């Protein structure tokens, strides 16, 4: 789950003070013992480190290749959640997660369990034990988290579709970093039974990542019965961008080249763009903070049992410590969630979708000597995704070209009404075709 480090970020000027608070909390709980020396890590089954378990298909197989984030149970396979501790101490799953039922019935080729940030809490997508998946656009940059392996697997054509989880951006952030399509679904659309939890009662969702919109549609067909039929209906209803109204918001601190790339993509597609008010943008920013609080307390409640385990990294324990420190603000954040959902309903009476960059800037360069809390805070500052989860609505991250010296793609985020996944993917189809032209 990308987004827990939102708890670290209330503006660049407070970063160092927050880090000192985090480290003090860890010291007070005696969490430093045994956490500073990394244990030997297993050899990755693929060169790009996209997978924790990899089962290559036969060369003559015509089946759709499906990769599954290692937060999702598969019968007979240990669900590690990217964690050395869980890999070494958890039994194999007794059954599949419910979200795999259609895929099993469809006879797809499962090609593996994909890598993820440890316990799904780091926005960078880095993993100290299994190795960090390599960004296919620039190996020197972060892949984005926490569904980093899923994004890398589809970008490198090791899978046609990969399932990821998204609590505060964990599908859309790696999709943006790696130049692929990622769909965060409506809260409650896809069952979470058998999925490692972060904030399952408020924020957690499952969705597909793929190289293009058509493949993402195939992924949704494996998560929701009859989805392809709804997608065809959406295409028939809106075969072009004519008449589609996009509510555009601008977030302070965004790289002007990123904003320009998003605006160019919207204009090239032919949408009618409406600039939304500063008041709405301010509410978006508050929703980002409220989502971080809910996610942080959720992670703390599920994972604080690892506080004394030497096989859980200091960085992950730092995130969990901050979540525990946010309990007093939790109920206020939940009250904010109801108000935010109401505000989104009001805006969607005027526009069909909301648009903004998925990330405020291009992905960060990987640090030379491993990630720190400060580095994760910098990575967190880039994302525009948490408010979507607090609203419970779907959102699509789709790559668009950018004029940049070393990165050729950035990501447009389109946000839709609840259960508008088919309409979102149709809008994404229109963007995809326009920018390719």
Protein backbone atom coordinates (compact mmCIF):
# COMPACT_ATOMS: atom_id res chain seq x y z
CA UNK A 1 0.00 0.00 0.00
CA UNK A 2 1.55 3.26 -1.04
CA UNK A 3 0.37 6.10 1.10
CA UNK A 4 1.29 5.22 4.65
CA UNK A 5 4.18 7.62 4.37
CA UNK A 6 1.59 10.34 3.99
CA UNK A 7 1.74 10.29 7.74
CA UNK A 8 5.30 11.54 7.47
CA UNK A 9 4.48 14.39 5.13
CA UNK A 10 2.81 17.63 6.08
CA UNK A 11 5.06 19.79 3.93
CA UNK A 12 8.78 19.64 3.17
CA UNK A 13 9.72 21.90 6.09
CA UNK A 14 8.61 19.41 8.75
CA UNK A 15 10.16 16.27 7.30
CA UNK A 16 13.23 16.12 9.56
CA UNK A 17 11.24 16.76 12.75
CA UNK A 18 8.83 13.96 11.87
CA UNK A 19 11.67 11.57 11.19
CA UNK A 20 13.15 12.33 14.62
CA UNK A 21 9.75 11.62 16.18
CA UNK A 22 9.49 8.32 14.32
CA UNK A 23 12.93 7.16 15.37
CA UNK A 24 12.25 8.18 18.97
CA UNK A 25 9.10 6.08 18.97
CA UNK A 26 11.02 3.07 17.68
CA UNK A 27 13.71 3.47 20.31
CA UNK A 28 11.10 3.75 23.04
CA UNK A 29 9.61 0.43 21.95
CA UNK A 30 13.02 -1.31 21.76
CA UNK A 31 12.56 -1.98 18.04
CA UNK A 32 16.13 -1.31 16.95
CA UNK A 33 17.60 -4.52 18.27
CA UNK A 34 18.47 -6.90 15.47
CA UNK A 35 17.09 -4.68 12.70
CA UNK A 36 20.14 -2.90 11.39
CA UNK A 37 21.98 -5.84 9.75
CA UNK A 38 20.18 -7.18 6.68
CA UNK A 39 19.89 -10.95 6.33
CA UNK A 40 21.04 -12.72 3.14
CA UNK A 41 18.29 -12.49 0.56
CA UNK A 42 17.08 -15.23 -1.79
CA UNK A 43 17.99 -15.24 -5.45
CA UNK A 44 15.27 -13.67 -7.57
CA UNK A 45 13.56 -16.05 -10.01
CA UNK A 46 13.64 -13.33 -12.72
CA UNK A 47 16.36 -10.87 -13.64
CA UNK A 48 14.07 -7.88 -13.13
CA UNK A 49 13.09 -9.03 -9.59
CA UNK A 50 9.40 -8.73 -10.48
CA UNK A 51 8.53 -12.09 -8.92
CA UNK A 52 8.82 -13.80 -5.56
CA UNK A 53 7.61 -17.07 -7.13
CA UNK A 54 7.75 -17.56 -10.92
CA UNK A 55 6.21 -20.34 -12.99
CA UNK A 56 7.13 -19.70 -16.64
CA UNK A 57 4.49 -20.81 -19.15
CA UNK A 58 5.25 -23.17 -21.99
CA UNK A 59 6.24 -21.47 -25.23
CA UNK A 60 3.22 -22.82 -27.10
CA UNK A 61 0.64 -21.77 -24.50
CA UNK A 62 -2.15 -19.55 -25.82
CA UNK A 63 -3.59 -18.87 -22.37
CA UNK A 64 -3.70 -15.43 -20.78
CA UNK A 65 -0.73 -15.09 -18.43
CA UNK A 66 -1.78 -13.81 -15.00
CA UNK A 67 0.58 -12.66 -12.25
CA UNK A 68 -0.70 -12.14 -8.71
CA UNK A 69 0.64 -9.72 -6.09
CA UNK A 70 1.97 -11.61 -3.10
CA UNK A 71 -0.65 -10.18 -0.78
CA UNK A 72 -3.27 -12.38 -2.43
CA UNK A 73 -3.61 -16.01 -1.28
CA UNK A 74 -3.03 -18.81 -3.77
CA UNK A 75 -3.68 -22.35 -2.59
CA UNK A 76 -0.50 -24.16 -1.65
CA UNK A 77 1.72 -21.05 -1.82
CA UNK A 78 2.99 -19.00 1.12
CA UNK A 79 1.68 -15.43 1.07
CA UNK A 80 4.77 -13.47 2.09
CA UNK A 81 3.52 -9.88 1.68
CA UNK A 82 7.10 -9.15 0.65
CA UNK A 83 8.28 -10.04 4.15
CA UNK A 84 11.19 -12.27 5.15
CA UNK A 85 9.44 -13.03 8.43
CA UNK A 86 6.22 -14.23 6.78
CA UNK A 87 8.16 -16.16 4.13
CA UNK A 88 9.94 -18.13 6.85
CA UNK A 89 7.15 -18.53 9.40
CA UNK A 90 3.83 -18.72 7.50
CA UNK A 91 2.27 -21.94 6.18
CA UNK A 92 1.08 -22.23 2.58
CA UNK A 93 -2.38 -20.81 1.96
CA UNK A 94 -5.14 -23.39 2.42
CA UNK A 95 -7.17 -21.93 -0.43
CA UNK A 96 -7.36 -19.20 -3.03
CA UNK A 97 -8.48 -15.69 -2.25
CA UNK A 98 -12.02 -15.10 -3.52
CA UNK A 99 -10.80 -12.64 -6.15
CA UNK A 100 -9.11 -15.52 -8.01
CA UNK A 101 -12.28 -17.55 -8.49
CA UNK A 102 -13.10 -16.34 -12.02
CA UNK A 103 -9.47 -16.70 -13.12
CA UNK A 104 -9.41 -20.31 -11.91
CA UNK A 105 -12.63 -21.07 -13.76
CA UNK A 106 -11.33 -19.37 -16.90
CA UNK A 107 -8.26 -21.56 -17.10
CA UNK A 108 -5.71 -18.77 -17.28
CA UNK A 109 -2.00 -19.46 -16.90
CA UNK A 110 -0.83 -18.29 -13.47
CA UNK A 111 2.80 -17.26 -13.93
CA UNK A 112 3.72 -16.28 -10.40
CA UNK A 113 3.44 -14.21 -7.24
CA UNK A 114 4.80 -10.70 -7.71
CA UNK A 115 7.15 -8.75 -5.51
CA UNK A 116 5.93 -5.94 -3.26
CA UNK A 117 7.14 -3.53 -0.62
CA UNK A 118 7.48 -5.28 2.75
CA UNK A 119 4.00 -5.61 4.27
CA UNK A 120 2.89 -3.30 1.43
CA UNK A 121 3.74 -0.08 3.25
CA UNK A 122 6.40 1.71 1.15
CA UNK A 123 5.56 4.03 -1.73
CA UNK A 124 8.99 3.55 -3.35
CA UNK A 125 8.38 -0.13 -4.15
CA UNK A 126 11.76 -1.06 -2.69
CA UNK A 127 12.26 -4.40 -0.94
CA UNK A 128 15.40 -5.13 1.08
CA UNK A 129 14.90 -8.92 1.23
CA UNK A 130 13.61 -9.94 -2.20
CA UNK A 131 15.35 -7.11 -4.03
CA UNK A 132 13.75 -4.08 -5.63
CA UNK A 133 11.98 -4.67 -8.97
CA UNK A 134 13.78 -2.86 -11.77
CA UNK A 135 11.94 0.03 -13.37
CA UNK A 136 11.70 -0.84 -17.10
CA UNK A 137 11.70 2.82 -18.15
CA UNK A 138 14.84 3.68 -16.19
CA UNK A 139 16.61 1.09 -14.03
CA UNK A 140 18.03 3.88 -11.91
CA UNK A 141 14.60 5.03 -10.71
CA UNK A 142 12.12 3.60 -8.20
CA UNK A 143 9.43 1.24 -9.56
CA UNK A 144 6.75 2.63 -7.23
CA UNK A 145 4.90 0.70 -4.56
CA UNK A 146 3.59 -1.25 -3.22
CA UNK A 147 2.52 -3.32 -6.30
CA UNK A 148 5.97 -2.82 -7.81
CA UNK A 149 6.45 -6.37 -9.07
CA UNK A 150 3.05 -6.41 -10.78
CA UNK A 151 3.86 -3.25 -12.74
CA UNK A 152 7.31 -4.49 -13.76
CA UNK A 153 5.99 -7.93 -14.77
CA UNK A 154 3.46 -6.55 -17.26
CA UNK A 155 5.81 -3.85 -18.52
CA UNK A 156 8.41 -6.53 -19.33
CA UNK A 157 5.84 -8.83 -20.99
CA UNK A 158 6.22 -11.53 -18.36
CA UNK A 159 2.46 -11.40 -17.81
CA UNK A 160 -0.51 -10.12 -19.81
CA UNK A 161 -2.29 -8.99 -16.65
CA UNK A 162 -1.18 -8.65 -13.04
CA UNK A 163 -3.42 -8.22 -10.03
CA UNK A 164 -2.41 -5.61 -7.48
CA UNK A 165 -3.89 -4.13 -4.33
CA UNK A 166 -4.51 -0.43 -3.75
CA UNK A 167 -5.06 1.15 -0.33
CA UNK A 168 -3.77 4.62 -1.09
CA UNK A 169 -2.26 4.35 -4.56
CA UNK A 170 -0.45 1.01 -4.67
CA UNK A 171 -1.71 0.11 -8.15
CA UNK A 172 -1.61 3.57 -9.72
CA UNK A 173 1.76 4.69 -8.35
CA UNK A 174 3.78 1.76 -9.79
CA UNK A 175 1.74 1.96 -13.00
CA UNK A 176 2.80 5.60 -13.28
CA UNK A 177 6.44 4.85 -12.48
CA UNK A 178 6.70 1.97 -14.96
CA UNK A 179 4.62 3.33 -17.86
CA UNK A 180 1.69 0.91 -17.71
CA UNK A 181 -2.07 1.04 -17.10
CA UNK A 182 -3.38 0.54 -13.57
CA UNK A 183 -7.01 0.50 -12.40
CA UNK A 184 -8.04 1.08 -8.78
CA UNK A 185 -11.57 -0.33 -8.47
CA UNK A 186 -14.55 0.90 -6.47
CA UNK A 187 -14.30 -0.01 -2.79
CA UNK A 188 -16.25 -3.22 -2.20
CA UNK A 189 -16.49 -4.25 -5.87
CA UNK A 190 -13.94 -7.08 -5.58
CA UNK A 191 -14.01 -9.31 -2.46
CA UNK A 192 -11.03 -9.05 -0.10
CA UNK A 193 -11.33 -12.49 1.50
CA UNK A 194 -7.88 -14.06 1.48
CA UNK A 195 -6.02 -10.78 0.87
CA UNK A 196 -3.42 -9.51 3.35
CA UNK A 197 -5.09 -6.50 5.05
CA UNK A 198 -4.02 -2.91 5.50
CA UNK A 199 -7.32 -1.03 5.87
CA UNK A 200 -9.89 -3.53 4.59
CA UNK A 201 -12.95 -1.90 6.14
CA UNK A 202 -12.37 1.52 4.55
CA UNK A 203 -9.73 1.63 1.80
CA UNK A 204 -8.33 -1.67 0.46
CA UNK A 205 -9.15 -2.60 -3.15
CA UNK A 206 -7.96 -5.01 -5.84
CA UNK A 207 -7.46 -4.20 -9.51
CA UNK A 208 -5.53 -5.04 -12.68
CA UNK A 209 -2.30 -3.70 -14.14
CA UNK A 210 -1.54 -4.19 -17.82
CA UNK A 211 0.47 -2.78 -20.71
CA UNK A 212 -2.61 -1.26 -22.37
CA UNK A 213 -6.31 -0.62 -21.84
CA UNK A 214 -7.46 -3.68 -23.79
CA UNK A 215 -5.43 -5.94 -21.50
CA UNK A 216 -6.74 -4.11 -18.42
CA UNK A 217 -10.26 -4.89 -19.64
CA UNK A 218 -9.30 -8.56 -19.81
CA UNK A 219 -8.03 -8.23 -16.25
CA UNK A 220 -11.33 -6.76 -15.08
CA UNK A 221 -13.15 -9.64 -16.77
CA UNK A 222 -11.29 -11.89 -14.32
CA UNK A 223 -12.43 -9.82 -11.33
CA UNK A 224 -16.05 -8.98 -12.13
CA UNK A 225 -18.47 -11.29 -14.00
CA UNK A 226 -19.64 -9.86 -17.31
CA UNK A 227 -17.31 -6.86 -17.28
CA UNK A 228 -16.40 -7.06 -20.97
CA UNK A 229 -20.08 -6.66 -21.84
CA UNK A 230 -20.32 -3.50 -19.75
CA UNK A 231 -17.16 -2.21 -21.42
CA UNK A 232 -18.65 -2.77 -24.89
CA UNK A 233 -21.74 -0.85 -23.80
CA UNK A 234 -19.56 2.03 -22.59
CA UNK A 235 -17.74 2.08 -25.95
CA UNK A 236 -21.02 2.15 -27.83
CA UNK A 237 -22.41 4.95 -25.65
CA UNK A 238 -19.27 7.10 -25.93
CA UNK A 239 -17.32 6.15 -29.07
CA UNK A 240 -15.48 9.47 -28.99
CA UNK A 241 -14.53 12.13 -26.46
CA UNK A 242 -17.22 14.47 -27.75
CA UNK A 243 -19.49 15.56 -24.90
CA UNK A 244 -17.31 14.09 -22.13
CA UNK A 245 -16.59 16.70 -19.47
CA UNK A 246 -13.36 16.47 -17.46
CA UNK A 247 -12.94 18.33 -14.19
CA UNK A 248 -9.27 19.33 -14.01
CA UNK A 249 -7.55 20.09 -10.72
CA UNK A 250 -4.04 21.46 -10.23
CA UNK A 251 -1.96 20.49 -7.21
CA UNK A 252 0.70 22.86 -5.90
CA UNK A 253 4.22 21.53 -6.27
CA UNK A 254 3.62 19.66 -9.52
CA UNK A 255 6.40 19.74 -12.11
CA UNK A 256 5.12 22.08 -14.88
CA UNK A 257 6.20 19.51 -17.50
CA UNK A 258 3.97 16.92 -15.85
CA UNK A 259 0.97 19.27 -15.79
CA UNK A 260 1.66 20.23 -19.40
CA UNK A 261 1.79 16.55 -20.45
CA UNK A 262 -1.57 15.87 -18.78
CA UNK A 263 -3.16 18.95 -20.33
CA UNK A 264 -1.81 18.00 -23.76
CA UNK A 265 -3.24 14.49 -23.46
CA UNK A 266 -6.68 15.80 -22.47
CA UNK A 267 -6.70 18.34 -25.30
CA UNK A 268 -5.44 15.85 -27.90
CA UNK A 269 -8.17 13.41 -26.92
CA UNK A 270 -10.82 16.08 -27.41
CA UNK A 271 -12.39 16.19 -23.97
CA UNK A 272 -14.19 19.28 -22.74
CA UNK A 273 -12.03 20.39 -19.82
CA UNK A 274 -13.49 22.33 -16.87
CA UNK A 275 -11.17 23.73 -14.23
CA UNK A 276 -12.51 22.84 -10.80
CA UNK A 277 -12.47 25.36 -7.97
CA UNK A 278 -9.71 26.00 -5.47
CA UNK A 279 -12.19 25.04 -2.74
CA UNK A 280 -12.51 21.56 -4.24
CA UNK A 281 -8.73 21.26 -4.59
CA UNK A 282 -8.33 22.17 -0.92
CA UNK A 283 -10.81 19.45 0.00
CA UNK A 284 -8.86 17.00 -2.16
CA UNK A 285 -5.69 17.81 -0.23
CA UNK A 286 -7.47 17.32 3.10
CA UNK A 287 -8.81 13.98 1.87
CA UNK A 288 -5.24 12.96 1.09
CA UNK A 289 -4.30 13.56 4.73
CA UNK A 290 -7.40 11.83 6.12
CA UNK A 291 -6.74 8.76 3.95
CA UNK A 292 -3.17 8.59 5.25
CA UNK A 293 -4.44 8.59 8.84
CA UNK A 294 -6.94 5.80 8.18
CA UNK A 295 -4.35 3.73 6.32
CA UNK A 296 -1.70 4.26 8.95
CA UNK A 297 -3.88 3.22 11.86
CA UNK A 298 -5.07 0.23 9.85
CA UNK A 299 -1.54 -0.95 9.17
CA UNK A 300 -0.61 -0.47 12.81
CA UNK A 301 -3.57 -2.49 14.01
CA UNK A 302 -2.73 -5.45 11.76
CA UNK A 303 1.07 -5.40 11.84
CA UNK A 304 2.13 -4.13 15.27
CA UNK A 305 2.61 -7.78 16.23
CA UNK A 306 5.89 -7.61 14.28
CA UNK A 307 7.36 -4.85 16.45
CA UNK A 308 9.97 -7.12 18.05
CA UNK A 309 10.75 -9.32 15.04
CA UNK A 310 14.32 -8.99 13.78
CA UNK A 311 13.28 -10.16 10.31
CA UNK A 312 11.13 -7.05 9.76
CA UNK A 313 13.10 -4.01 8.60
CA UNK A 314 13.57 -0.82 10.55
CA UNK A 315 12.00 1.18 7.72
CA UNK A 316 8.77 -0.82 7.89
CA UNK A 317 8.68 -0.57 11.68
CA UNK A 318 9.03 3.19 11.35
CA UNK A 319 5.92 3.35 9.19
CA UNK A 320 3.97 1.24 11.64
CA UNK A 321 5.16 3.40 14.55
CA UNK A 322 3.73 6.50 12.93
CA UNK A 323 0.44 4.71 12.31
CA UNK A 324 0.20 3.97 16.02
CA UNK A 325 0.82 7.63 16.78
CA UNK A 326 -2.19 8.64 14.65
CA UNK A 327 -4.88 6.81 16.61
CA UNK A 328 -6.18 10.02 18.19
CA UNK A 329 -6.93 11.48 14.75
CA UNK A 330 -8.53 8.32 13.36
CA UNK A 331 -12.18 9.02 14.16
CA UNK A 332 -11.95 12.58 12.86
CA UNK A 333 -10.50 11.22 9.62
CA UNK A 334 -13.41 8.81 9.29
CA UNK A 335 -15.85 11.68 9.75
CA UNK A 336 -13.95 13.45 7.00
CA UNK A 337 -14.48 10.43 4.76
CA UNK A 338 -18.26 10.85 4.80
CA UNK A 339 -17.99 14.53 3.93
CA UNK A 340 -15.52 13.80 1.13
CA UNK A 341 -17.80 11.21 -0.47
CA UNK A 342 -20.60 13.76 -0.43
CA UNK A 343 -18.33 16.34 -2.08
CA UNK A 344 -17.39 13.90 -4.84
CA UNK A 345 -21.05 13.16 -5.55
CA UNK A 346 -21.65 16.88 -5.93
CA UNK A 347 -18.78 17.31 -8.40
CA UNK A 348 -19.80 14.29 -10.46
CA UNK A 349 -23.16 15.94 -11.09
CA UNK A 350 -21.21 18.48 -13.19
CA UNK A 351 -18.42 16.45 -14.80
CA UNK A 352 -17.93 12.89 -16.02
CA UNK A 353 -14.40 12.42 -14.68
CA UNK A 354 -11.80 14.25 -12.61
CA UNK A 355 -8.29 14.52 -14.05
CA UNK A 356 -4.88 15.25 -12.54
CA UNK A 357 -1.39 13.72 -12.71
CA UNK A 358 -0.99 10.42 -10.89
CA UNK A 359 2.40 11.71 -9.67
CA UNK A 360 3.57 15.30 -9.30
CA UNK A 361 6.94 14.54 -10.83
CA UNK A 362 8.93 11.81 -12.54
CA UNK A 363 9.98 8.88 -10.31
CA UNK A 364 12.88 9.46 -7.94
CA UNK A 365 16.31 8.00 -8.55
CA UNK A 366 17.05 4.98 -6.38
CA UNK A 367 19.27 5.80 -3.40
CA UNK A 368 22.80 4.43 -3.53
CA UNK A 369 22.79 2.73 -0.14
CA UNK A 370 19.23 1.61 0.44
CA UNK A 371 16.09 3.51 1.33
CA UNK A 372 15.50 5.57 4.44
CA UNK A 373 12.47 7.11 6.08
CA UNK A 374 13.48 10.46 4.59
CA UNK A 375 13.65 8.94 1.10
CA UNK A 376 10.19 7.37 1.47
CA UNK A 377 8.84 10.75 2.59
CA UNK A 378 10.22 12.30 -0.61
CA UNK A 379 8.60 9.55 -2.69
CA UNK A 380 5.30 10.01 -0.87
CA UNK A 381 5.29 13.71 -1.67
CA UNK A 382 4.91 12.86 -5.37
CA UNK A 383 1.61 10.98 -5.27
CA UNK A 384 -1.93 12.30 -5.87
CA UNK A 385 -3.77 9.07 -5.17
CA UNK A 386 -4.95 8.74 -1.55
CA UNK A 387 -8.02 10.97 -1.86
CA UNK A 388 -9.49 8.50 -4.36
CA UNK A 389 -9.37 5.67 -1.82
CA UNK A 390 -11.01 7.79 0.85
CA UNK A 391 -13.84 8.49 -1.60
CA UNK A 392 -14.25 4.81 -2.43
CA UNK A 393 -14.37 5.63 -6.15
CA UNK A 394 -12.46 4.06 -9.06
CA UNK A 395 -9.47 5.66 -10.78
CA UNK A 396 -7.36 4.85 -13.81
CA UNK A 397 -3.66 5.61 -14.26
CA UNK A 398 -2.72 5.73 -17.92
CA UNK A 399 0.68 6.59 -19.43
CA UNK A 400 1.01 9.76 -21.52
CA UNK A 401 4.13 11.22 -23.17
CA UNK A 402 6.18 13.89 -21.46
CA UNK A 403 8.95 16.16 -22.70
CA UNK A 404 11.70 15.12 -20.29
CA UNK A 405 15.40 14.44 -20.69
CA UNK A 406 15.43 10.88 -19.31
CA UNK A 407 11.83 9.74 -18.79
CA UNK A 408 9.50 9.54 -21.79
CA UNK A 409 6.23 8.84 -19.98
CA UNK A 410 4.26 10.31 -17.12
CA UNK A 411 0.78 9.31 -15.97
CA UNK A 412 -2.71 10.80 -16.26
CA UNK A 413 -5.11 9.85 -13.47
CA UNK A 414 -8.80 9.78 -14.35
CA UNK A 415 -11.23 9.47 -11.44
CA UNK A 416 -14.82 8.31 -11.92
CA UNK A 417 -18.09 7.77 -10.15
CA UNK A 418 -18.58 4.63 -8.04
CA UNK A 419 -18.78 1.48 -10.20
CA UNK A 420 -17.80 3.41 -13.35
CA UNK A 421 -14.85 1.13 -14.19
CA UNK A 422 -16.13 0.41 -17.71
CA UNK A 423 -16.61 4.11 -18.43
CA UNK A 424 -13.14 4.88 -17.06
CA UNK A 425 -11.47 2.28 -19.25
CA UNK A 426 -13.37 3.56 -22.27
CA UNK A 427 -12.11 7.07 -21.53
CA UNK A 428 -8.64 5.59 -21.14
CA UNK A 429 -9.03 3.91 -24.53
CA UNK A 430 -9.73 7.32 -26.07
CA UNK A 431 -6.64 8.84 -24.41
CA UNK A 432 -4.47 5.90 -25.42
CA UNK A 433 -5.50 6.16 -29.07
CA UNK A 434 -5.09 9.94 -29.14
CA UNK A 435 -1.59 10.07 -27.67
CA UNK A 436 -0.40 7.24 -29.94
CA UNK A 437 -1.47 9.30 -32.95
